[in-house]
Amino acid sequence: MRRLHSLEDLKQWQSSLGGAPLGFVPTMGALHEGHLSLVRMSLARGAKTLTSIYVNPTQFNNPEDLAKYPNTLEQDLEMLEELGCDAVFLPTADMLYPNGLKSREFNFGCLDLNMEGAGRPGHFEGMATVVTKFFEIIKPDFAIFGEKDYQQLCIVRHVVAEENWPVEIVPGPIVREPDGLAMSSRNLRLSEDERVSAAHIYATLATATENWKKFATVEALEKHCADAINAVPHLSVEYITCCDQRELQPIRELDPKVPSRIFAAVQCGKVRLIDNLPLF
């Protein structure tokens, strides 16, 4: 596996590909099985696969969250090597932001009005800025994004369509722990007791989606989930909301003819966790 530390390294490696398709998996490190599943998806397509590891400051609206983001670089590199990833790109801020750490402006339509967009000002602008910078310098044929960050996935698709980036956006299914907790780099920051409590997030959402017909209204379903999660030690709900899968707007009724998902953001101790499941 090639380790690319500069734009020149990247350019030289790309020139050796001989026209082979290039798959790209952007990450912020602290890799887990969820990340690795995305790399496997790229490799399974028969593509040369490039993974990036870069903790992007512009998408953190909370400086403490940025400071505490886990750093497991050597372990990450070993995992990618064992998996057969072709190359890993390890850029610096100066490479991606030569004019200083500043996000560009985007029109996300209505996709950023709720959930993460409402609670984390500037988050999606920072994410989209670094993603488009990667697309510009890497020029991948396709890029894979996990469905755990479903709103992010929708926004990346939107930006690609709006700006005519010649890259296919491929969704990767959520990978979960045996107890259902969505795999996340943030899980490393949970205490043992918090980790036990965190499993109730998925359990509550899954039970609700399996039994949605028992609820008279969307609000009743959301309140049931919020009350159940808030009753668990260490857990505090930031939002539970049911939205249509395309525009990410809150649904008004439980109508299985409208493909929808249930989304959650929950504070577990000092760690913020998100998850989502198909509702119908």
Protein backbone atom coordinates (compact mmCIF):
# COMPACT_ATOMS: atom_id res chain seq x y z
CA MET A 1 0.00 0.00 0.00
CA ARG A 2 1.36 3.38 -1.01
CA ARG A 3 1.35 6.16 1.57
CA LEU A 4 0.86 9.49 -0.14
CA HIS A 5 2.00 12.45 1.92
CA SER A 6 2.00 15.18 -0.73
CA LEU A 7 0.21 16.28 -3.87
CA GLU A 8 3.25 15.18 -5.83
CA ASP A 9 3.05 11.71 -4.28
CA LEU A 10 -0.61 11.58 -5.27
CA LYS A 11 0.11 12.68 -8.83
CA GLN A 12 2.89 10.11 -9.28
CA TRP A 13 0.72 7.31 -7.93
CA GLN A 14 -2.20 8.28 -10.17
CA SER A 15 0.07 8.25 -13.21
CA SER A 16 0.87 4.60 -12.50
CA LEU A 17 -2.76 3.44 -12.60
CA GLY A 18 -2.81 2.87 -16.35
CA GLY A 19 -6.41 3.97 -16.78
CA ALA A 20 -7.82 1.61 -14.13
CA PRO A 21 -11.00 2.84 -12.44
CA LEU A 22 -10.34 4.73 -9.21
CA GLY A 23 -12.50 4.37 -6.12
CA PHE A 24 -12.22 6.86 -3.25
CA VAL A 25 -13.15 6.40 0.42
CA PRO A 26 -12.76 9.62 2.45
CA THR A 27 -12.35 9.17 6.22
CA MET A 28 -11.23 11.10 9.28
CA GLY A 29 -9.35 8.11 10.67
CA ALA A 30 -10.03 6.13 13.85
CA LEU A 31 -11.06 3.41 11.45
CA HIS A 32 -13.48 0.63 12.33
CA GLU A 33 -15.32 -2.11 10.48
CA GLY A 34 -17.76 0.41 9.04
CA HIS A 35 -14.95 2.23 7.24
CA LEU A 36 -13.35 -1.02 6.16
CA SER A 37 -16.63 -2.22 4.64
CA LEU A 38 -16.54 0.83 2.33
CA VAL A 39 -12.99 0.02 1.27
CA ARG A 40 -14.06 -3.57 0.56
CA MET A 41 -16.92 -2.28 -1.59
CA SER A 42 -14.46 -0.33 -3.72
CA LEU A 43 -12.07 -3.25 -4.05
CA ALA A 44 -14.96 -5.56 -4.96
CA ARG A 45 -15.68 -3.32 -7.95
CA GLY A 46 -12.24 -4.16 -9.29
CA ALA A 47 -11.08 -0.57 -8.81
CA LYS A 48 -7.83 0.83 -7.58
CA THR A 49 -8.80 2.11 -4.16
CA LEU A 50 -7.61 5.26 -2.43
CA THR A 51 -8.54 6.04 1.17
CA SER A 52 -7.91 9.45 2.70
CA ILE A 53 -7.32 10.13 6.39
CA TYR A 54 -7.85 13.76 7.29
CA VAL A 55 -9.63 15.30 10.27
CA ASN A 56 -11.30 18.29 8.65
CA PRO A 57 -11.49 21.28 11.03
CA THR A 58 -14.05 23.22 9.04
CA GLN A 59 -16.85 20.72 9.67
CA PHE A 60 -16.55 20.87 13.47
CA ASN A 61 -18.78 23.52 15.03
CA ASN A 62 -17.59 22.43 18.50
CA PRO A 63 -13.83 22.98 19.10
CA GLU A 64 -13.86 20.50 21.99
CA ASP A 65 -15.25 17.82 19.71
CA LEU A 66 -12.42 18.45 17.25
CA ALA A 67 -9.78 18.35 20.00
CA LYS A 68 -11.09 15.03 21.32
CA TYR A 69 -11.48 13.29 17.97
CA PRO A 70 -9.60 9.95 18.26
CA ASN A 71 -6.22 9.57 16.56
CA THR A 72 -5.24 5.96 15.79
CA LEU A 73 -3.18 6.57 12.65
CA GLU A 74 -0.69 3.70 12.91
CA GLN A 75 -3.46 1.21 13.62
CA ASP A 76 -5.50 2.68 10.76
CA LEU A 77 -2.63 2.21 8.31
CA GLU A 78 -2.09 -1.39 9.43
CA MET A 79 -5.78 -2.17 8.92
CA LEU A 80 -5.80 -0.68 5.43
CA GLU A 81 -2.61 -2.55 4.53
CA GLU A 82 -4.07 -5.87 5.65
CA LEU A 83 -7.25 -5.18 3.70
CA GLY A 84 -5.37 -4.66 0.45
CA CYS A 85 -6.15 -0.96 -0.01
CA ASP A 86 -3.98 0.35 -2.84
CA ALA A 87 -3.06 3.72 -1.37
CA VAL A 88 -3.80 6.09 1.49
CA PHE A 89 -3.69 9.87 1.12
CA LEU A 90 -2.53 11.77 4.23
CA PRO A 91 -2.92 15.46 3.35
CA THR A 92 -2.20 18.46 5.54
CA ALA A 93 -4.44 21.47 5.96
CA ASP A 94 -2.09 23.55 3.82
CA MET A 95 -2.60 21.19 0.87
CA LEU A 96 -6.38 21.36 1.04
CA TYR A 97 -6.76 24.94 2.29
CA PRO A 98 -3.83 26.90 0.80
CA ASN A 99 -5.68 30.17 1.47
CA GLY A 100 -6.60 29.36 5.06
CA LEU A 101 -9.26 27.27 6.79
CA LYS A 102 -12.41 28.62 5.21
CA SER A 103 -15.50 26.88 3.85
CA ARG A 104 -17.09 27.84 0.57
CA GLU A 105 -20.75 28.61 0.18
CA PHE A 106 -23.19 26.04 -1.18
CA ASN A 107 -26.86 25.79 -2.00
CA PHE A 108 -28.07 22.57 -0.41
CA GLY A 109 -31.72 23.23 -1.20
CA CYS A 110 -33.79 21.99 1.73
CA LEU A 111 -31.45 19.14 2.65
CA ASP A 112 -29.66 20.97 5.47
CA LEU A 113 -32.66 22.60 7.14
CA ASN A 114 -33.26 19.89 9.73
CA MET A 115 -31.35 17.50 11.99
CA GLU A 116 -27.57 17.96 11.71
CA GLY A 117 -27.95 21.06 9.57
CA ALA A 118 -30.13 22.76 12.18
CA GLY A 119 -27.97 21.86 15.17
CA ARG A 120 -24.45 22.16 13.76
CA PRO A 121 -24.03 25.50 11.95
CA GLY A 122 -21.39 25.34 9.21
CA HIS A 123 -20.94 21.57 9.49
CA PHE A 124 -22.18 20.68 6.03
CA GLU A 125 -20.44 23.63 4.37
CA GLY A 126 -17.16 22.41 5.86
CA MET A 127 -17.82 18.81 4.84
CA ALA A 128 -18.83 19.73 1.29
CA THR A 129 -15.82 22.04 0.95
CA VAL A 130 -13.31 19.33 1.76
CA VAL A 131 -15.14 16.69 -0.29
CA THR A 132 -15.15 18.88 -3.40
CA LYS A 133 -11.47 19.71 -2.83
CA PHE A 134 -10.76 15.97 -2.75
CA PHE A 135 -12.77 15.44 -5.93
CA GLU A 136 -10.83 18.22 -7.63
CA ILE A 137 -7.37 16.85 -6.86
CA ILE A 138 -8.10 13.09 -6.86
CA LYS A 139 -10.64 12.90 -9.73
CA PRO A 140 -12.10 9.54 -8.65
CA ASP A 141 -14.50 7.58 -10.81
CA PHE A 142 -16.63 6.87 -7.76
CA ALA A 143 -16.63 7.70 -4.05
CA ILE A 144 -18.27 5.70 -1.27
CA PHE A 145 -20.07 7.30 1.68
CA GLY A 146 -21.68 5.43 4.58
CA GLU A 147 -25.41 5.61 5.27
CA LYS A 148 -24.84 6.23 8.99
CA ASP A 149 -24.30 9.86 7.97
CA TYR A 150 -27.36 9.71 5.73
CA GLN A 151 -27.92 13.47 5.59
CA GLN A 152 -24.28 13.90 4.57
CA LEU A 153 -24.73 11.29 1.82
CA CYS A 154 -27.77 13.13 0.45
CA ILE A 155 -25.96 16.47 0.50
CA VAL A 156 -22.91 15.06 -1.30
CA ARG A 157 -25.19 13.61 -3.98
CA HIS A 158 -26.89 16.98 -4.32
CA VAL A 159 -23.62 18.90 -4.67
CA VAL A 160 -22.32 16.43 -7.25
CA ALA A 161 -25.49 16.84 -9.30
CA GLU A 162 -25.60 20.64 -8.93
CA GLU A 163 -21.93 21.14 -9.83
CA ASN A 164 -21.68 18.34 -12.42
CA TRP A 165 -18.80 16.54 -10.76
CA PRO A 166 -17.97 13.46 -12.88
CA VAL A 167 -18.02 11.09 -9.92
CA GLU A 168 -20.52 8.40 -8.95
CA ILE A 169 -21.63 8.53 -5.31
CA VAL A 170 -22.07 5.03 -3.89
CA PRO A 171 -23.88 4.44 -0.56
CA GLY A 172 -22.49 1.97 1.96
CA PRO A 173 -24.83 0.23 4.45
CA ILE A 174 -24.51 0.95 8.17
CA VAL A 175 -22.33 -1.59 9.96
CA ARG A 176 -23.37 -2.37 13.51
CA GLU A 177 -21.95 -3.94 16.64
CA PRO A 178 -23.53 -7.26 17.75
CA ASP A 179 -25.91 -5.32 20.03
CA GLY A 180 -26.96 -3.02 17.19
CA LEU A 181 -24.99 0.13 18.03
CA ALA A 182 -23.91 1.81 14.80
CA MET A 183 -20.14 1.65 14.47
CA SER A 184 -18.56 5.07 14.95
CA SER A 185 -15.14 6.46 15.78
CA ARG A 186 -16.83 8.30 18.64
CA ASN A 187 -17.70 4.99 20.31
CA LEU A 188 -14.07 4.83 21.45
CA ARG A 189 -14.80 7.69 23.85
CA LEU A 190 -17.62 5.90 25.68
CA SER A 191 -17.11 4.50 29.17
CA GLU A 192 -18.16 0.89 29.82
CA ASP A 193 -21.47 1.98 31.35
CA GLU A 194 -22.13 4.48 28.56
CA ARG A 195 -21.40 1.84 25.96
CA VAL A 196 -24.07 -0.42 27.49
CA SER A 197 -26.58 2.42 27.49
CA ALA A 198 -25.76 3.42 23.90
CA ALA A 199 -27.10 0.10 22.58
CA HIS A 200 -30.60 1.22 23.59
CA ILE A 201 -30.61 3.81 20.82
CA TYR A 202 -30.75 1.20 18.07
CA ALA A 203 -32.98 -1.13 20.08
CA THR A 204 -35.57 1.60 20.55
CA LEU A 205 -35.53 2.76 16.94
CA ALA A 206 -35.65 -0.78 15.58
CA THR A 207 -38.64 -1.71 17.76
CA ALA A 208 -40.48 1.42 16.68
CA THR A 209 -39.88 0.80 12.96
CA GLU A 210 -41.04 -2.79 13.30
CA ASN A 211 -44.25 -1.65 15.04
CA TRP A 212 -44.97 1.67 13.36
CA LYS A 213 -48.58 0.68 12.65
CA LYS A 214 -49.29 0.81 16.40
CA PHE A 215 -48.76 4.58 16.45
CA ALA A 216 -51.60 6.92 15.53
CA THR A 217 -49.33 9.76 14.42
CA VAL A 218 -45.73 10.54 13.50
CA GLU A 219 -45.49 12.65 16.65
CA ALA A 220 -46.59 9.72 18.81
CA LEU A 221 -43.91 7.48 17.32
CA GLU A 222 -41.19 10.11 17.78
CA LYS A 223 -42.28 10.85 21.37
CA HIS A 224 -42.31 7.15 22.23
CA CYS A 225 -38.73 6.78 21.02
CA ALA A 226 -37.54 9.93 22.77
CA ASP A 227 -39.16 8.96 26.08
CA ALA A 228 -37.73 5.43 25.92
CA ILE A 229 -34.20 6.64 25.19
CA ASN A 230 -34.30 9.46 27.76
CA ALA A 231 -35.26 6.90 30.40
CA VAL A 232 -31.90 5.11 29.95
CA PRO A 233 -28.99 6.27 32.14
CA HIS A 234 -26.42 8.49 30.37
CA LEU A 235 -28.71 9.14 27.38
CA SER A 236 -30.32 12.44 26.41
CA VAL A 237 -32.16 12.88 23.11
CA GLU A 238 -31.27 15.88 20.96
CA TYR A 239 -33.73 14.94 18.23
CA ILE A 240 -35.84 12.06 16.96
CA THR A 241 -37.41 12.84 13.61
CA CYS A 242 -39.01 10.96 10.75
CA CYS A 243 -38.19 12.36 7.29
CA ASP A 244 -38.70 11.37 3.70
CA GLN A 245 -35.57 9.81 2.21
CA ARG A 246 -35.29 12.14 -0.77
CA GLU A 247 -35.73 15.70 0.51
CA LEU A 248 -35.15 14.95 4.22
CA GLN A 249 -38.26 16.88 5.21
CA PRO A 250 -40.34 15.81 8.23
CA ILE A 251 -43.23 13.59 7.22
CA ARG A 252 -46.73 14.53 8.36
CA GLU A 253 -48.27 11.08 8.42
CA LEU A 254 -47.21 7.45 8.57
CA ASP A 255 -47.62 6.59 4.90
CA PRO A 256 -45.67 3.56 3.64
CA LYS A 257 -46.03 4.86 0.08
CA VAL A 258 -43.48 7.58 0.97
CA PRO A 259 -40.01 6.04 1.54
CA SER A 260 -38.91 7.46 4.88
CA ARG A 261 -36.36 7.04 7.63
CA ILE A 262 -36.22 7.73 11.35
CA PHE A 263 -33.21 9.77 12.48
CA ALA A 264 -31.77 10.22 15.96
CA ALA A 265 -29.08 12.29 17.64
CA VAL A 266 -28.42 11.34 21.26
CA GLN A 267 -25.96 12.63 23.81
CA CYS A 268 -24.36 9.69 25.63
CA GLY A 269 -22.36 11.16 28.49
CA LYS A 270 -20.16 13.67 26.69
CA VAL A 271 -20.30 11.84 23.35
CA ARG A 272 -22.83 12.71 20.66
CA LEU A 273 -24.11 9.71 18.68
CA ILE A 274 -26.29 9.61 15.57
CA ASP A 275 -28.19 6.78 13.89
CA ASN A 276 -30.94 6.19 11.38
CA LEU A 277 -33.08 3.34 10.09
CA PRO A 278 -35.53 2.90 7.24
CA LEU A 279 -39.07 3.47 8.54
CA PHE A 280 -40.80 2.15 5.42
